[in-house]
Amino acid sequence: MTDDQLAVLAQRVEEAIRLKGVSEIDAHDVGLAILQPLKELDLVAYLRFASVYRGFDCLEDFESAIEELRTEGEK
């Protein structure tokens, strides 16, 4: 990931949070806002990050997420 790509990701997340129209946001909600832009940028980084914010508890959670990504890629 380049610095420019990270800057764009940060900008997209900031815009998504601003659209919520709240003055305070929970750190967990920031993490959730990062998921989609990160998925579009780097699938491996997305899976690592999603494992925390989507609460992966076992190998099957990773397998399901990978299958979901494969299915999305076929569309």
N, C-alpha and C. Protein backbone atom coordinates (compact mmCIF):
# COMPACT_ATOMS: atom_id res chain seq x y z
N MET A 1 0.84 -1.17 0.00
CA MET A 1 0.00 0.00 0.00
C MET A 1 0.89 1.23 0.00
N THR A 2 0.57 2.16 -0.87
CA THR A 2 1.35 3.39 -0.93
C THR A 2 0.78 4.43 0.03
N ASP A 3 1.56 5.47 0.27
CA ASP A 3 1.09 6.56 1.12
C ASP A 3 -0.14 7.23 0.51
N ASP A 4 -0.15 7.36 -0.82
CA ASP A 4 -1.30 7.97 -1.48
C ASP A 4 -2.55 7.12 -1.29
N GLN A 5 -2.41 5.81 -1.41
CA GLN A 5 -3.56 4.92 -1.22
C GLN A 5 -4.09 5.01 0.21
N LEU A 6 -3.18 5.09 1.17
CA LEU A 6 -3.60 5.22 2.56
C LEU A 6 -4.29 6.55 2.81
N ALA A 7 -3.81 7.61 2.16
CA ALA A 7 -4.44 8.92 2.31
C ALA A 7 -5.86 8.90 1.74
N VAL A 8 -6.05 8.24 0.61
CA VAL A 8 -7.39 8.13 0.02
C VAL A 8 -8.29 7.31 0.93
N LEU A 9 -7.77 6.22 1.48
CA LEU A 9 -8.56 5.40 2.40
C LEU A 9 -8.99 6.24 3.59
N ALA A 10 -8.07 6.99 4.18
CA ALA A 10 -8.40 7.83 5.33
C ALA A 10 -9.46 8.86 4.97
N GLN A 11 -9.35 9.45 3.79
CA GLN A 11 -10.31 10.44 3.35
C GLN A 11 -11.70 9.82 3.19
N ARG A 12 -11.77 8.63 2.60
CA ARG A 12 -13.06 7.96 2.42
C ARG A 12 -13.71 7.63 3.76
N VAL A 13 -12.90 7.18 4.71
CA VAL A 13 -13.43 6.85 6.04
C VAL A 13 -13.93 8.11 6.73
N GLU A 14 -13.14 9.18 6.64
CA GLU A 14 -13.55 10.44 7.26
C GLU A 14 -14.87 10.94 6.66
N GLU A 15 -15.00 10.86 5.34
CA GLU A 15 -16.24 11.29 4.69
C GLU A 15 -17.43 10.45 5.14
N ALA A 16 -17.23 9.14 5.24
CA ALA A 16 -18.31 8.25 5.67
C ALA A 16 -18.75 8.58 7.09
N ILE A 17 -17.81 8.90 7.94
CA ILE A 17 -18.14 9.23 9.32
C ILE A 17 -18.85 10.57 9.39
N ARG A 18 -18.39 11.54 8.61
CA ARG A 18 -19.05 12.86 8.60
C ARG A 18 -20.49 12.75 8.13
N LEU A 19 -20.75 11.85 7.18
CA LEU A 19 -22.11 11.68 6.67
C LEU A 19 -23.08 11.19 7.74
N LYS A 20 -22.55 10.58 8.78
CA LYS A 20 -23.41 10.11 9.87
C LYS A 20 -23.98 11.28 10.65
N GLY A 21 -23.31 12.44 10.57
CA GLY A 21 -23.84 13.64 11.20
C GLY A 21 -23.82 13.67 12.71
N VAL A 22 -22.90 12.94 13.32
CA VAL A 22 -22.79 12.95 14.77
C VAL A 22 -21.48 13.62 15.18
N SER A 23 -21.48 14.20 16.37
CA SER A 23 -20.27 14.90 16.82
C SER A 23 -19.26 13.95 17.45
N GLU A 24 -19.71 12.81 17.92
CA GLU A 24 -18.81 11.81 18.49
C GLU A 24 -19.10 10.46 17.87
N ILE A 25 -18.05 9.67 17.70
CA ILE A 25 -18.23 8.33 17.14
C ILE A 25 -17.35 7.35 17.91
N ASP A 26 -17.89 6.21 18.15
CA ASP A 26 -17.21 5.14 18.86
C ASP A 26 -16.04 4.61 18.01
N ALA A 27 -14.94 4.26 18.65
CA ALA A 27 -13.77 3.74 17.94
C ALA A 27 -14.12 2.50 17.14
N HIS A 28 -15.01 1.68 17.67
CA HIS A 28 -15.42 0.47 16.95
C HIS A 28 -16.13 0.84 15.64
N ASP A 29 -16.92 1.90 15.66
CA ASP A 29 -17.60 2.36 14.45
C ASP A 29 -16.60 2.87 13.41
N VAL A 30 -15.53 3.47 13.87
CA VAL A 30 -14.47 3.90 12.94
C VAL A 30 -13.86 2.66 12.28
N GLY A 31 -13.60 1.65 13.07
CA GLY A 31 -13.08 0.40 12.53
C GLY A 31 -13.99 -0.21 11.48
N LEU A 32 -15.29 -0.19 11.75
CA LEU A 32 -16.25 -0.72 10.79
C LEU A 32 -16.27 0.11 9.51
N ALA A 33 -16.10 1.42 9.65
CA ALA A 33 -16.09 2.31 8.48
C ALA A 33 -14.87 2.06 7.59
N ILE A 34 -13.83 1.52 8.17
CA ILE A 34 -12.61 1.24 7.42
C ILE A 34 -12.75 0.00 6.54
N LEU A 35 -13.62 -0.91 6.91
CA LEU A 35 -13.68 -2.21 6.25
C LEU A 35 -13.87 -2.15 4.74
N GLN A 36 -14.87 -1.45 4.25
CA GLN A 36 -15.15 -1.46 2.81
C GLN A 36 -14.02 -0.83 1.99
N PRO A 37 -13.54 0.37 2.35
CA PRO A 37 -12.43 0.93 1.58
C PRO A 37 -11.18 0.05 1.63
N LEU A 38 -10.94 -0.58 2.77
CA LEU A 38 -9.78 -1.45 2.89
C LEU A 38 -9.95 -2.70 2.02
N LYS A 39 -11.17 -3.22 1.95
CA LYS A 39 -11.44 -4.38 1.11
C LYS A 39 -11.12 -4.08 -0.34
N GLU A 40 -11.46 -2.88 -0.78
CA GLU A 40 -11.20 -2.48 -2.16
C GLU A 40 -9.71 -2.26 -2.43
N LEU A 41 -8.95 -1.98 -1.39
CA LEU A 41 -7.53 -1.65 -1.54
C LEU A 41 -6.62 -2.86 -1.39
N ASP A 42 -6.89 -3.70 -0.39
CA ASP A 42 -5.97 -4.80 -0.08
C ASP A 42 -6.75 -5.90 0.64
N LEU A 43 -7.01 -7.00 -0.06
CA LEU A 43 -7.85 -8.06 0.51
C LEU A 43 -7.23 -8.74 1.73
N VAL A 44 -5.93 -8.91 1.73
CA VAL A 44 -5.28 -9.56 2.88
C VAL A 44 -5.36 -8.65 4.10
N ALA A 45 -5.08 -7.37 3.90
CA ALA A 45 -5.18 -6.42 5.02
C ALA A 45 -6.63 -6.36 5.51
N TYR A 46 -7.57 -6.42 4.57
CA TYR A 46 -8.98 -6.43 4.94
C TYR A 46 -9.30 -7.62 5.84
N LEU A 47 -8.85 -8.82 5.45
CA LEU A 47 -9.14 -10.01 6.25
C LEU A 47 -8.54 -9.91 7.65
N ARG A 48 -7.34 -9.39 7.73
CA ARG A 48 -6.71 -9.22 9.05
C ARG A 48 -7.52 -8.26 9.91
N PHE A 49 -7.88 -7.14 9.32
CA PHE A 49 -8.63 -6.12 10.05
C PHE A 49 -10.03 -6.62 10.39
N ALA A 50 -10.67 -7.27 9.44
CA ALA A 50 -12.02 -7.79 9.65
C ALA A 50 -12.05 -8.84 10.75
N SER A 51 -10.96 -9.57 10.91
CA SER A 51 -10.93 -10.60 11.95
C SER A 51 -11.14 -10.00 13.33
N VAL A 52 -10.74 -8.76 13.51
CA VAL A 52 -10.94 -8.07 14.78
C VAL A 52 -12.33 -7.45 14.83
N TYR A 53 -12.66 -6.66 13.81
CA TYR A 53 -13.89 -5.87 13.86
C TYR A 53 -15.15 -6.66 13.56
N ARG A 54 -15.01 -7.79 12.92
CA ARG A 54 -16.17 -8.66 12.73
C ARG A 54 -16.15 -9.82 13.71
N GLY A 55 -15.14 -9.84 14.58
CA GLY A 55 -15.10 -10.79 15.68
C GLY A 55 -14.91 -12.24 15.26
N PHE A 56 -13.96 -12.48 14.36
CA PHE A 56 -13.69 -13.87 13.97
C PHE A 56 -13.23 -14.65 15.20
N ASP A 57 -13.87 -15.79 15.43
CA ASP A 57 -13.55 -16.62 16.59
C ASP A 57 -12.85 -17.92 16.23
N CYS A 58 -12.93 -18.31 14.96
CA CYS A 58 -12.38 -19.60 14.58
C CYS A 58 -11.98 -19.60 13.10
N LEU A 59 -11.36 -20.66 12.68
CA LEU A 59 -10.91 -20.79 11.30
C LEU A 59 -12.08 -20.70 10.33
N GLU A 60 -13.22 -21.22 10.71
CA GLU A 60 -14.39 -21.19 9.83
C GLU A 60 -14.82 -19.75 9.51
N ASP A 61 -14.61 -18.84 10.46
CA ASP A 61 -14.94 -17.44 10.20
C ASP A 61 -14.07 -16.88 9.07
N PHE A 62 -12.78 -17.24 9.09
CA PHE A 62 -11.88 -16.81 8.01
C PHE A 62 -12.30 -17.46 6.69
N GLU A 63 -12.60 -18.74 6.75
CA GLU A 63 -13.01 -19.46 5.53
C GLU A 63 -14.27 -18.84 4.93
N SER A 64 -15.22 -18.49 5.77
CA SER A 64 -16.46 -17.86 5.28
C SER A 64 -16.17 -16.51 4.64
N ALA A 65 -15.30 -15.73 5.27
CA ALA A 65 -14.96 -14.41 4.73
C ALA A 65 -14.23 -14.55 3.40
N ILE A 66 -13.34 -15.53 3.30
CA ILE A 66 -12.62 -15.75 2.04
C ILE A 66 -13.59 -16.19 0.96
N GLU A 67 -14.50 -17.07 1.29
CA GLU A 67 -15.50 -17.51 0.31
C GLU A 67 -16.37 -16.34 -0.14
N GLU A 68 -16.74 -15.49 0.78
CA GLU A 68 -17.52 -14.28 0.45
C GLU A 68 -16.74 -13.40 -0.53
N LEU A 69 -15.45 -13.23 -0.30
CA LEU A 69 -14.62 -12.43 -1.21
C LEU A 69 -14.53 -13.08 -2.58
N ARG A 70 -14.40 -14.38 -2.61
CA ARG A 70 -14.33 -15.08 -3.90
C ARG A 70 -15.64 -14.93 -4.67
N THR A 71 -16.75 -15.04 -3.97
CA THR A 71 -18.05 -14.90 -4.61
C THR A 71 -18.22 -13.48 -5.16
N GLU A 72 -17.83 -12.48 -4.39
CA GLU A 72 -17.91 -11.09 -4.84
C GLU A 72 -17.02 -10.88 -6.07
N GLY A 73 -15.86 -11.53 -6.09
CA GLY A 73 -14.94 -11.38 -7.21
C GLY A 73 -15.46 -11.98 -8.50
N GLU A 74 -16.36 -12.95 -8.40
CA GLU A 74 -16.93 -13.60 -9.58
C GLU A 74 -18.03 -12.77 -10.22
N LYS A 75 -18.55 -11.79 -9.50
CA LYS A 75 -19.68 -10.99 -10.02
C LYS A 75 -19.21 -9.99 -11.03
